[in-house]
Amino acid sequence: MVSRRRRRRKSPKRGSSDGKSDGVRKKVEISFPEDLIMAVKYLLEKGFNSREVADRLEISPYTVRSIKRILRKRGLLATDSGEGERARRAERKRTKDVIEELLSG
């Protein structure tokens, strides 16, 4: 005999009498100690990646990610951490194009 999984019934949401907030989750901001936030900021500015920061401070990489989000909201960290890497790649590509142009003719 093949067993079947029972489907769970969806329970009505509590506290949503008007029906406007159905399916919308409110984000709860987690607070971290200010010295931890500044330590993460310092290490990121020194060039460490998130994994290295987490290892050095003995915290979870997800905590580092959350702190980076807080720093971006405060305007203390660049909004796109990949900007520098993209610029370096573009510079390498331009240099490579110039070298190929010189060699070809």
PDB file of N, CA and C in Angstrom:
ATOM      1  N   MET A   1       0.833  -1.179   0.000  1.00  0.00           N
ATOM      2  CA  MET A   1       0.000   0.000   0.000  1.00  0.00           C
ATOM      3  C   MET A   1       0.883   1.250   0.000  1.00  0.00           C
ATOM      4  N   VAL A   2       0.555   2.176  -0.862  1.00  0.00           N
ATOM      5  CA  VAL A   2       1.321   3.410  -0.988  1.00  0.00           C
ATOM      6  C   VAL A   2       0.789   4.427   0.004  1.00  0.00           C
ATOM      7  N   SER A   3       1.721   4.974   0.777  1.00  0.00           N
ATOM      8  CA  SER A   3       1.277   5.988   1.747  1.00  0.00           C
ATOM      9  C   SER A   3       1.208   7.341   1.064  1.00  0.00           C
ATOM     10  N   ARG A   4       0.244   8.110   1.451  1.00  0.00           N
ATOM     11  CA  ARG A   4       0.063   9.445   0.892  1.00  0.00           C
ATOM     12  C   ARG A   4       0.338  10.486   1.951  1.00  0.00           C
ATOM     13  N   ARG A   5       0.883  11.579   1.502  1.00  0.00           N
ATOM     14  CA  ARG A   5       1.112  12.686   2.422  1.00  0.00           C
ATOM     15  C   ARG A   5      -0.170  13.470   2.585  1.00  0.00           C
ATOM     16  N   ARG A   6      -0.442  13.827   3.780  1.00  0.00           N
ATOM     17  CA  ARG A   6      -1.616  14.664   4.003  1.00  0.00           C
ATOM     18  C   ARG A   6      -1.263  16.112   3.766  1.00  0.00           C
ATOM     19  N   ARG A   7      -2.151  16.802   3.148  1.00  0.00           N
ATOM     20  CA  ARG A   7      -1.944  18.228   2.924  1.00  0.00           C
ATOM     21  C   ARG A   7      -2.354  18.981   4.169  1.00  0.00           C
ATOM     22  N   ARG A   8      -1.548  19.956   4.494  1.00  0.00           N
ATOM     23  CA  ARG A   8      -1.880  20.789   5.640  1.00  0.00           C
ATOM     24  C   ARG A   8      -2.890  21.839   5.226  1.00  0.00           C
ATOM     25  N   ARG A   9      -3.812  22.059   6.075  1.00  0.00           N
ATOM     26  CA  ARG A   9      -4.757  23.132   5.806  1.00  0.00           C
ATOM     27  C   ARG A   9      -4.137  24.448   6.216  1.00  0.00           C
ATOM     28  N   LYS A  10      -4.344  25.428   5.396  1.00  0.00           N
ATOM     29  CA  LYS A  10      -3.826  26.748   5.725  1.00  0.00           C
ATOM     30  C   LYS A  10      -4.727  27.371   6.781  1.00  0.00           C
ATOM     31  N   SER A  11      -4.092  27.756   7.863  1.00  0.00           N
ATOM     32  CA  SER A  11      -4.867  28.382   8.927  1.00  0.00           C
ATOM     33  C   SER A  11      -5.044  29.858   8.605  1.00  0.00           C
ATOM     34  N   PRO A  12      -6.165  30.428   9.015  1.00  0.00           N
ATOM     35  CA  PRO A  12      -6.375  31.858   8.755  1.00  0.00           C
ATOM     36  C   PRO A  12      -5.357  32.684   9.537  1.00  0.00           C
ATOM     37  N   LYS A  13      -4.898  33.755   8.912  1.00  0.00           N
ATOM     38  CA  LYS A  13      -3.908  34.611   9.556  1.00  0.00           C
ATOM     39  C   LYS A  13      -4.567  35.416  10.660  1.00  0.00           C
ATOM     40  N   ARG A  14      -3.845  35.507  11.731  1.00  0.00           N
ATOM     41  CA  ARG A  14      -4.366  36.249  12.874  1.00  0.00           C
ATOM     42  C   ARG A  14      -4.084  37.731  12.714  1.00  0.00           C
ATOM     43  N   GLY A  15      -5.013  38.533  13.142  1.00  0.00           N
ATOM     44  CA  GLY A  15      -4.804  39.968  13.155  1.00  0.00           C
ATOM     45  C   GLY A  15      -4.937  40.658  11.821  1.00  0.00           C
ATOM     46  N   SER A  16      -5.404  39.976  10.805  1.00  0.00           N
ATOM     47  CA  SER A  16      -5.547  40.625   9.501  1.00  0.00           C
ATOM     48  C   SER A  16      -7.025  40.658   9.129  1.00  0.00           C
ATOM     49  N   SER A  17      -7.742  41.512   9.800  1.00  0.00           N
ATOM     50  CA  SER A  17      -9.178  41.593   9.557  1.00  0.00           C
ATOM     51  C   SER A  17      -9.503  42.345   8.274  1.00  0.00           C
ATOM     52  N   ASP A  18      -8.637  43.308   7.896  1.00  0.00           N
ATOM     53  CA  ASP A  18      -8.932  44.084   6.701  1.00  0.00           C
ATOM     54  C   ASP A  18      -8.464  43.412   5.414  1.00  0.00           C
ATOM     55  N   GLY A  19      -7.577  42.433   5.526  1.00  0.00           N
ATOM     56  CA  GLY A  19      -7.133  41.692   4.354  1.00  0.00           C
ATOM     57  C   GLY A  19      -6.038  42.387   3.565  1.00  0.00           C
ATOM     58  N   LYS A  20      -5.615  43.587   3.975  1.00  0.00           N
ATOM     59  CA  LYS A  20      -4.595  44.324   3.229  1.00  0.00           C
ATOM     60  C   LYS A  20      -3.201  43.771   3.456  1.00  0.00           C
ATOM     61  N   SER A  21      -2.938  43.245   4.627  1.00  0.00           N
ATOM     62  CA  SER A  21      -1.577  42.819   4.944  1.00  0.00           C
ATOM     63  C   SER A  21      -1.342  41.335   4.694  1.00  0.00           C
ATOM     64  N   ASP A  22      -2.253  40.669   3.997  1.00  0.00           N
ATOM     65  CA  ASP A  22      -2.069  39.253   3.711  1.00  0.00           C
ATOM     66  C   ASP A  22      -0.852  39.042   2.831  1.00  0.00           C
ATOM     67  N   GLY A  23       0.022  38.162   3.244  1.00  0.00           N
ATOM     68  CA  GLY A  23       1.182  37.819   2.441  1.00  0.00           C
ATOM     69  C   GLY A  23       2.345  38.793   2.570  1.00  0.00           C
ATOM     70  N   VAL A  24       2.194  39.874   3.299  1.00  0.00           N
ATOM     71  CA  VAL A  24       3.264  40.848   3.451  1.00  0.00           C
ATOM     72  C   VAL A  24       3.900  40.645   4.818  1.00  0.00           C
ATOM     73  N   ARG A  25       5.202  40.374   4.801  1.00  0.00           N
ATOM     74  CA  ARG A  25       5.901  40.148   6.057  1.00  0.00           C
ATOM     75  C   ARG A  25       6.666  41.397   6.446  1.00  0.00           C
ATOM     76  N   LYS A  26       6.584  41.757   7.689  1.00  0.00           N
ATOM     77  CA  LYS A  26       7.306  42.911   8.185  1.00  0.00           C
ATOM     78  C   LYS A  26       8.713  42.474   8.565  1.00  0.00           C
ATOM     79  N   LYS A  27       9.716  43.193   8.071  1.00  0.00           N
ATOM     80  CA  LYS A  27      11.095  42.854   8.397  1.00  0.00           C
ATOM     81  C   LYS A  27      11.423  43.398   9.779  1.00  0.00           C
ATOM     82  N   VAL A  28      12.024  42.557  10.564  1.00  0.00           N
ATOM     83  CA  VAL A  28      12.434  42.956  11.900  1.00  0.00           C
ATOM     84  C   VAL A  28      13.938  43.189  11.865  1.00  0.00           C
ATOM     85  N   GLU A  29      14.341  44.382  12.257  1.00  0.00           N
ATOM     86  CA  GLU A  29      15.765  44.703  12.262  1.00  0.00           C
ATOM     87  C   GLU A  29      16.410  44.118  13.503  1.00  0.00           C
ATOM     88  N   ILE A  30      17.464  43.362  13.301  1.00  0.00           N
ATOM     89  CA  ILE A  30      18.196  42.773  14.411  1.00  0.00           C
ATOM     90  C   ILE A  30      19.252  43.770  14.839  1.00  0.00           C
ATOM     91  N   SER A  31      19.381  43.973  16.128  1.00  0.00           N
ATOM     92  CA  SER A  31      20.385  44.919  16.600  1.00  0.00           C
ATOM     93  C   SER A  31      21.646  44.167  17.008  1.00  0.00           C
ATOM     94  N   PHE A  32      22.775  44.708  16.619  1.00  0.00           N
ATOM     95  CA  PHE A  32      24.072  44.147  16.957  1.00  0.00           C
ATOM     96  C   PHE A  32      24.822  45.168  17.785  1.00  0.00           C
ATOM     97  N   PRO A  33      25.760  44.719  18.604  1.00  0.00           N
ATOM     98  CA  PRO A  33      26.574  45.681  19.360  1.00  0.00           C
ATOM     99  C   PRO A  33      27.334  46.602  18.407  1.00  0.00           C
ATOM    100  N   GLU A  34      27.407  47.864  18.773  1.00  0.00           N
ATOM    101  CA  GLU A  34      28.042  48.856  17.904  1.00  0.00           C
ATOM    102  C   GLU A  34      29.518  48.544  17.655  1.00  0.00           C
ATOM    103  N   ASP A  35      30.201  47.988  18.653  1.00  0.00           N
ATOM    104  CA  ASP A  35      31.613  47.665  18.456  1.00  0.00           C
ATOM    105  C   ASP A  35      31.790  46.516  17.456  1.00  0.00           C
ATOM    106  N   LEU A  36      30.843  45.592  17.397  1.00  0.00           N
ATOM    107  CA  LEU A  36      30.894  44.519  16.407  1.00  0.00           C
ATOM    108  C   LEU A  36      30.687  45.081  15.003  1.00  0.00           C
ATOM    109  N   ILE A  37      29.757  46.008  14.870  1.00  0.00           N
ATOM    110  CA  ILE A  37      29.487  46.637  13.571  1.00  0.00           C
ATOM    111  C   ILE A  37      30.728  47.367  13.080  1.00  0.00           C
ATOM    112  N   MET A  38      31.378  48.114  13.986  1.00  0.00           N
ATOM    113  CA  MET A  38      32.562  48.863  13.590  1.00  0.00           C
ATOM    114  C   MET A  38      33.745  47.930  13.293  1.00  0.00           C
ATOM    115  N   ALA A  39      33.830  46.799  13.993  1.00  0.00           N
ATOM    116  CA  ALA A  39      34.891  45.832  13.723  1.00  0.00           C
ATOM    117  C   ALA A  39      34.714  45.224  12.334  1.00  0.00           C
ATOM    118  N   VAL A  40      33.482  44.886  11.984  1.00  0.00           N
ATOM    119  CA  VAL A  40      33.200  44.339  10.651  1.00  0.00           C
ATOM    120  C   VAL A  40      33.528  45.381   9.589  1.00  0.00           C
ATOM    121  N   LYS A  41      33.132  46.619   9.809  1.00  0.00           N
ATOM    122  CA  LYS A  41      33.406  47.705   8.863  1.00  0.00           C
ATOM    123  C   LYS A  41      34.910  47.871   8.677  1.00  0.00           C
ATOM    124  N   TYR A  42      35.669  47.860   9.763  1.00  0.00           N
ATOM    125  CA  TYR A  42      37.119  48.027   9.697  1.00  0.00           C
ATOM    126  C   TYR A  42      37.760  46.917   8.872  1.00  0.00           C
ATOM    127  N   LEU A  43      37.373  45.673   9.141  1.00  0.00           N
ATOM    128  CA  LEU A  43      37.968  44.546   8.419  1.00  0.00           C
ATOM    129  C   LEU A  43      37.586  44.545   6.942  1.00  0.00           C
ATOM    130  N   LEU A  44      36.353  44.938   6.641  1.00  0.00           N
ATOM    131  CA  LEU A  44      35.937  45.015   5.239  1.00  0.00           C
ATOM    132  C   LEU A  44      36.729  46.090   4.504  1.00  0.00           C
ATOM    133  N   GLU A  45      36.982  47.219   5.183  1.00  0.00           N
ATOM    134  CA  GLU A  45      37.760  48.288   4.563  1.00  0.00           C
ATOM    135  C   GLU A  45      39.214  47.872   4.346  1.00  0.00           C
ATOM    136  N   LYS A  46      39.717  46.983   5.196  1.00  0.00           N
ATOM    137  CA  LYS A  46      41.085  46.488   5.059  1.00  0.00           C
ATOM    138  C   LYS A  46      41.225  45.491   3.913  1.00  0.00           C
ATOM    139  N   GLY A  47      40.092  45.058   3.340  1.00  0.00           N
ATOM    140  CA  GLY A  47      40.148  44.187   2.177  1.00  0.00           C
ATOM    141  C   GLY A  47      39.799  42.734   2.435  1.00  0.00           C
ATOM    142  N   PHE A  48      39.359  42.411   3.643  1.00  0.00           N
ATOM    143  CA  PHE A  48      38.960  41.042   3.929  1.00  0.00           C
ATOM    144  C   PHE A  48      37.588  40.781   3.333  1.00  0.00           C
ATOM    145  N   ASN A  49      37.352  39.544   2.885  1.00  0.00           N
ATOM    146  CA  ASN A  49      36.016  39.207   2.401  1.00  0.00           C
ATOM    147  C   ASN A  49      35.144  38.758   3.582  1.00  0.00           C
ATOM    148  N   SER A  50      33.883  38.515   3.322  1.00  0.00           N
ATOM    149  CA  SER A  50      32.938  38.202   4.402  1.00  0.00           C
ATOM    150  C   SER A  50      33.325  36.944   5.169  1.00  0.00           C
ATOM    151  N   ARG A  51      33.796  35.942   4.468  1.00  0.00           N
ATOM    152  CA  ARG A  51      34.186  34.691   5.127  1.00  0.00           C
ATOM    153  C   ARG A  51      35.363  34.923   6.077  1.00  0.00           C
ATOM    154  N   GLU A  52      36.357  35.682   5.626  1.00  0.00           N
ATOM    155  CA  GLU A  52      37.519  35.967   6.461  1.00  0.00           C
ATOM    156  C   GLU A  52      37.142  36.802   7.676  1.00  0.00           C
ATOM    157  N   VAL A  53      36.243  37.760   7.493  1.00  0.00           N
ATOM    158  CA  VAL A  53      35.774  38.577   8.614  1.00  0.00           C
ATOM    159  C   VAL A  53      35.072  37.689   9.633  1.00  0.00           C
ATOM    160  N   ALA A  54      34.227  36.793   9.156  1.00  0.00           N
ATOM    161  CA  ALA A  54      33.497  35.889  10.049  1.00  0.00           C
ATOM    162  C   ALA A  54      34.461  34.993  10.819  1.00  0.00           C
ATOM    163  N   ASP A  55      35.490  34.483  10.153  1.00  0.00           N
ATOM    164  CA  ASP A  55      36.467  33.630  10.818  1.00  0.00           C
ATOM    165  C   ASP A  55      37.254  34.397  11.867  1.00  0.00           C
ATOM    166  N   ARG A  56      37.664  35.611  11.542  1.00  0.00           N
ATOM    167  CA  ARG A  56      38.455  36.401  12.484  1.00  0.00           C
ATOM    168  C   ARG A  56      37.660  36.806  13.716  1.00  0.00           C
ATOM    169  N   LEU A  57      36.401  37.165  13.517  1.00  0.00           N
ATOM    170  CA  LEU A  57      35.579  37.622  14.638  1.00  0.00           C
ATOM    171  C   LEU A  57      34.807  36.481  15.300  1.00  0.00           C
ATOM    172  N   GLU A  58      34.954  35.278  14.742  1.00  0.00           N
ATOM    173  CA  GLU A  58      34.271  34.087  15.246  1.00  0.00           C
ATOM    174  C   GLU A  58      32.759  34.284  15.322  1.00  0.00           C
ATOM    175  N   ILE A  59      32.207  34.763  14.193  1.00  0.00           N
ATOM    176  CA  ILE A  59      30.765  34.927  14.048  1.00  0.00           C
ATOM    177  C   ILE A  59      30.349  34.239  12.762  1.00  0.00           C
ATOM    178  N   SER A  60      29.064  34.141  12.545  1.00  0.00           N
ATOM    179  CA  SER A  60      28.534  33.501  11.353  1.00  0.00           C
ATOM    180  C   SER A  60      28.685  34.424  10.141  1.00  0.00           C
ATOM    181  N   PRO A  61      28.930  33.853   8.962  1.00  0.00           N
ATOM    182  CA  PRO A  61      28.962  34.679   7.747  1.00  0.00           C
ATOM    183  C   PRO A  61      27.624  35.379   7.496  1.00  0.00           C
ATOM    184  N   TYR A  62      26.540  34.793   7.958  1.00  0.00           N
ATOM    185  CA  TYR A  62      25.222  35.427   7.815  1.00  0.00           C
ATOM    186  C   TYR A  62      25.122  36.666   8.692  1.00  0.00           C
ATOM    187  N   THR A  63      25.791  36.646   9.838  1.00  0.00           N
ATOM    188  CA  THR A  63      25.830  37.828  10.697  1.00  0.00           C
ATOM    189  C   THR A  63      26.602  38.935  10.001  1.00  0.00           C
ATOM    190  N   VAL A  64      27.695  38.581   9.351  1.00  0.00           N
ATOM    191  CA  VAL A  64      28.472  39.573   8.600  1.00  0.00           C
ATOM    192  C   VAL A  64      27.610  40.169   7.500  1.00  0.00           C
ATOM    193  N   ARG A  65      26.859  39.336   6.823  1.00  0.00           N
ATOM    194  CA  ARG A  65      25.978  39.816   5.756  1.00  0.00           C
ATOM    195  C   ARG A  65      24.927  40.791   6.298  1.00  0.00           C
ATOM    196  N   SER A  66      24.369  40.471   7.452  1.00  0.00           N
ATOM    197  CA  SER A  66      23.372  41.349   8.064  1.00  0.00           C
ATOM    198  C   SER A  66      23.993  42.683   8.464  1.00  0.00           C
ATOM    199  N   ILE A  67      25.201  42.629   8.999  1.00  0.00           N
ATOM    200  CA  ILE A  67      25.880  43.862   9.407  1.00  0.00           C
ATOM    201  C   ILE A  67      26.241  44.694   8.181  1.00  0.00           C
ATOM    202  N   LYS A  68      26.619  44.036   7.081  1.00  0.00           N
ATOM    203  CA  LYS A  68      26.901  44.776   5.851  1.00  0.00           C
ATOM    204  C   LYS A  68      25.650  45.505   5.366  1.00  0.00           C
ATOM    205  N   ARG A  69      24.495  44.865   5.503  1.00  0.00           N
ATOM    206  CA  ARG A  69      23.228  45.507   5.114  1.00  0.00           C
ATOM    207  C   ARG A  69      22.985  46.747   5.968  1.00  0.00           C
ATOM    208  N   ILE A  70      23.256  46.647   7.277  1.00  0.00           N
ATOM    209  CA  ILE A  70      23.081  47.787   8.177  1.00  0.00           C
ATOM    210  C   ILE A  70      24.036  48.910   7.783  1.00  0.00           C
ATOM    211  N   LEU A  71      25.280  48.569   7.484  1.00  0.00           N
ATOM    212  CA  LEU A  71      26.262  49.581   7.094  1.00  0.00           C
ATOM    213  C   LEU A  71      25.870  50.271   5.797  1.00  0.00           C
ATOM    214  N   ARG A  72      25.306  49.519   4.847  1.00  0.00           N
ATOM    215  CA  ARG A  72      24.844  50.137   3.597  1.00  0.00           C
ATOM    216  C   ARG A  72      23.703  51.105   3.861  1.00  0.00           C
ATOM    217  N   LYS A  73      22.779  50.725   4.755  1.00  0.00           N
ATOM    218  CA  LYS A  73      21.661  51.620   5.089  1.00  0.00           C
ATOM    219  C   LYS A  73      22.160  52.911   5.717  1.00  0.00           C
ATOM    220  N   ARG A  74      23.210  52.806   6.535  1.00  0.00           N
ATOM    221  CA  ARG A  74      23.781  53.989   7.183  1.00  0.00           C
ATOM    222  C   ARG A  74      24.649  54.804   6.230  1.00  0.00           C
ATOM    223  N   GLY A  75      24.964  54.251   5.093  1.00  0.00           N
ATOM    224  CA  GLY A  75      25.799  54.947   4.129  1.00  0.00           C
ATOM    225  C   GLY A  75      27.280  54.835   4.428  1.00  0.00           C
ATOM    226  N   LEU A  76      27.661  53.879   5.250  1.00  0.00           N
ATOM    227  CA  LEU A  76      29.061  53.718   5.637  1.00  0.00           C
ATOM    228  C   LEU A  76      29.785  52.685   4.795  1.00  0.00           C
ATOM    229  N   LEU A  77      29.065  52.029   3.895  1.00  0.00           N
ATOM    230  CA  LEU A  77      29.656  51.001   3.048  1.00  0.00           C
ATOM    231  C   LEU A  77      29.097  51.180   1.652  1.00  0.00           C
ATOM    232  N   ALA A  78      29.914  50.916   0.647  1.00  0.00           N
ATOM    233  CA  ALA A  78      29.463  51.059  -0.737  1.00  0.00           C
ATOM    234  C   ALA A  78      28.276  50.138  -0.980  1.00  0.00           C
ATOM    235  N   THR A  79      27.328  50.593  -1.789  1.00  0.00           N
ATOM    236  CA  THR A  79      26.119  49.813  -2.025  1.00  0.00           C
ATOM    237  C   THR A  79      26.395  48.564  -2.827  1.00  0.00           C
ATOM    238  N   ASP A  80      27.408  48.583  -3.684  1.00  0.00           N
ATOM    239  CA  ASP A  80      27.727  47.411  -4.491  1.00  0.00           C
ATOM    240  C   ASP A  80      29.183  47.041  -4.249  1.00  0.00           C
ATOM    241  N   SER A  81      29.411  45.958  -3.531  1.00  0.00           N
ATOM    242  CA  SER A  81      30.774  45.571  -3.199  1.00  0.00           C
ATOM    243  C   SER A  81      31.545  45.084  -4.413  1.00  0.00           C
ATOM    244  N   GLY A  82      30.876  44.778  -5.507  1.00  0.00           N
ATOM    245  CA  GLY A  82      31.542  44.292  -6.699  1.00  0.00           C
ATOM    246  C   GLY A  82      32.041  45.394  -7.623  1.00  0.00           C
ATOM    247  N   GLU A  83      31.777  46.662  -7.277  1.00  0.00           N
ATOM    248  CA  GLU A  83      32.180  47.768  -8.134  1.00  0.00           C
ATOM    249  C   GLU A  83      33.673  47.782  -8.381  1.00  0.00           C
ATOM    250  N   GLY A  84      34.455  47.637  -7.326  1.00  0.00           N
ATOM    251  CA  GLY A  84      35.904  47.678  -7.463  1.00  0.00           C
ATOM    252  C   GLY A  84      36.416  46.561  -8.339  1.00  0.00           C
ATOM    253  N   GLU A  85      35.864  45.395  -8.153  1.00  0.00           N
ATOM    254  CA  GLU A  85      36.295  44.233  -8.948  1.00  0.00           C
ATOM    255  C   GLU A  85      35.951  44.429 -10.419  1.00  0.00           C
ATOM    256  N   ARG A  86      34.774  44.965 -10.701  1.00  0.00           N
ATOM    257  CA  ARG A  86      34.391  45.215 -12.091  1.00  0.00           C
ATOM    258  C   ARG A  86      35.320  46.233 -12.744  1.00  0.00           C
ATOM    259  N   ALA A  87      35.679  47.260 -11.992  1.00  0.00           N
ATOM    260  CA  ALA A  87      36.571  48.288 -12.528  1.00  0.00           C
ATOM    261  C   ALA A  87      37.944  47.687 -12.827  1.00  0.00           C
ATOM    262  N   ARG A  88      38.440  46.818 -11.915  1.00  0.00           N
ATOM    263  CA  ARG A  88      39.739  46.186 -12.141  1.00  0.00           C
ATOM    264  C   ARG A  88      39.703  45.281 -13.373  1.00  0.00           C
ATOM    265  N   ARG A  89      38.591  44.540 -13.530  1.00  0.00           N
ATOM    266  CA  ARG A  89      38.465  43.673 -14.699  1.00  0.00           C
ATOM    267  C   ARG A  89      38.433  44.491 -15.988  1.00  0.00           C
ATOM    268  N   ALA A  90      37.697  45.606 -15.967  1.00  0.00           N
ATOM    269  CA  ALA A  90      37.606  46.462 -17.148  1.00  0.00           C
ATOM    270  C   ALA A  90      38.975  47.037 -17.480  1.00  0.00           C
ATOM    271  N   GLU A  91      39.747  47.416 -16.457  1.00  0.00           N
ATOM    272  CA  GLU A  91      41.081  47.957 -16.684  1.00  0.00           C
ATOM    273  C   GLU A  91      41.991  46.898 -17.296  1.00  0.00           C
ATOM    274  N   ARG A  92      41.929  45.673 -16.781  1.00  0.00           N
ATOM    275  CA  ARG A  92      42.729  44.583 -17.339  1.00  0.00           C
ATOM    276  C   ARG A  92      42.357  44.329 -18.790  1.00  0.00           C
ATOM    277  N   LYS A  93      41.068  44.396 -19.090  1.00  0.00           N
ATOM    278  CA  LYS A  93      40.596  44.149 -20.446  1.00  0.00           C
ATOM    279  C   LYS A  93      41.119  45.228 -21.392  1.00  0.00           C
ATOM    280  N   ARG A  94      41.067  46.493 -20.938  1.00  0.00           N
ATOM    281  CA  ARG A  94      41.569  47.583 -21.775  1.00  0.00           C
ATOM    282  C   ARG A  94      43.057  47.402 -22.048  1.00  0.00           C
ATOM    283  N   THR A  95      43.814  47.035 -21.025  1.00  0.00           N
ATOM    284  CA  THR A  95      45.249  46.815 -21.193  1.00  0.00           C
ATOM    285  C   THR A  95      45.501  45.684 -22.173  1.00  0.00           C
ATOM    286  N   LYS A  96      44.727  44.616 -22.053  1.00  0.00           N
ATOM    287  CA  LYS A  96      44.883  43.479 -22.950  1.00  0.00           C
ATOM    288  C   LYS A  96      44.582  43.886 -24.391  1.00  0.00           C
ATOM    289  N   ASP A  97      43.533  44.700 -24.601  1.00  0.00           N
ATOM    290  CA  ASP A  97      43.185  45.151 -25.941  1.00  0.00           C
ATOM    291  C   ASP A  97      44.310  45.979 -26.559  1.00  0.00           C
ATOM    292  N   VAL A  98      44.924  46.838 -25.754  1.00  0.00           N
ATOM    293  CA  VAL A  98      46.007  47.685 -26.252  1.00  0.00           C
ATOM    294  C   VAL A  98      47.198  46.824 -26.660  1.00  0.00           C
ATOM    295  N   ILE A  99      47.523  45.835 -25.824  1.00  0.00           N
ATOM    296  CA  ILE A  99      48.650  44.950 -26.136  1.00  0.00           C
ATOM    297  C   ILE A  99      48.383  44.168 -27.425  1.00  0.00           C
ATOM    298  N   GLU A 100      47.173  43.650 -27.565  1.00  0.00           N
ATOM    299  CA  GLU A 100      46.833  42.917 -28.797  1.00  0.00           C
ATOM    300  C   GLU A 100      46.907  43.809 -30.014  1.00  0.00           C
ATOM    301  N   GLU A 101      46.491  45.064 -29.853  1.00  0.00           N
ATOM    302  CA  GLU A 101      46.538  46.003 -30.969  1.00  0.00           C
ATOM    303  C   GLU A 101      47.971  46.290 -31.376  1.00  0.00           C
ATOM    304  N   LEU A 102      48.850  46.441 -30.389  1.00  0.00           N
ATOM    305  CA  LEU A 102      50.253  46.690 -30.689  1.00  0.00           C
ATOM    306  C   LEU A 102      50.913  45.502 -31.374  1.00  0.00           C
ATOM    307  N   LEU A 103      50.575  44.308 -30.919  1.00  0.00           N
ATOM    308  CA  LEU A 103      51.196  43.100 -31.486  1.00  0.00           C
ATOM    309  C   LEU A 103      50.675  42.791 -32.888  1.00  0.00           C
ATOM    310  N   SER A 104      49.427  43.157 -33.151  1.00  0.00           N
ATOM    311  CA  SER A 104      48.850  42.786 -34.429  1.00  0.00           C
ATOM    312  C   SER A 104      49.294  43.733 -35.561  1.00  0.00           C
ATOM    313  N   GLY A 105      49.763  44.856 -35.192  1.00  0.00           N
ATOM    314  CA  GLY A 105      50.127  45.567 -36.343  1.00  0.00           C
ATOM    315  C   GLY A 105      50.516  46.920 -36.412  1.00  0.00           C
TER     316      GLY A 105
END
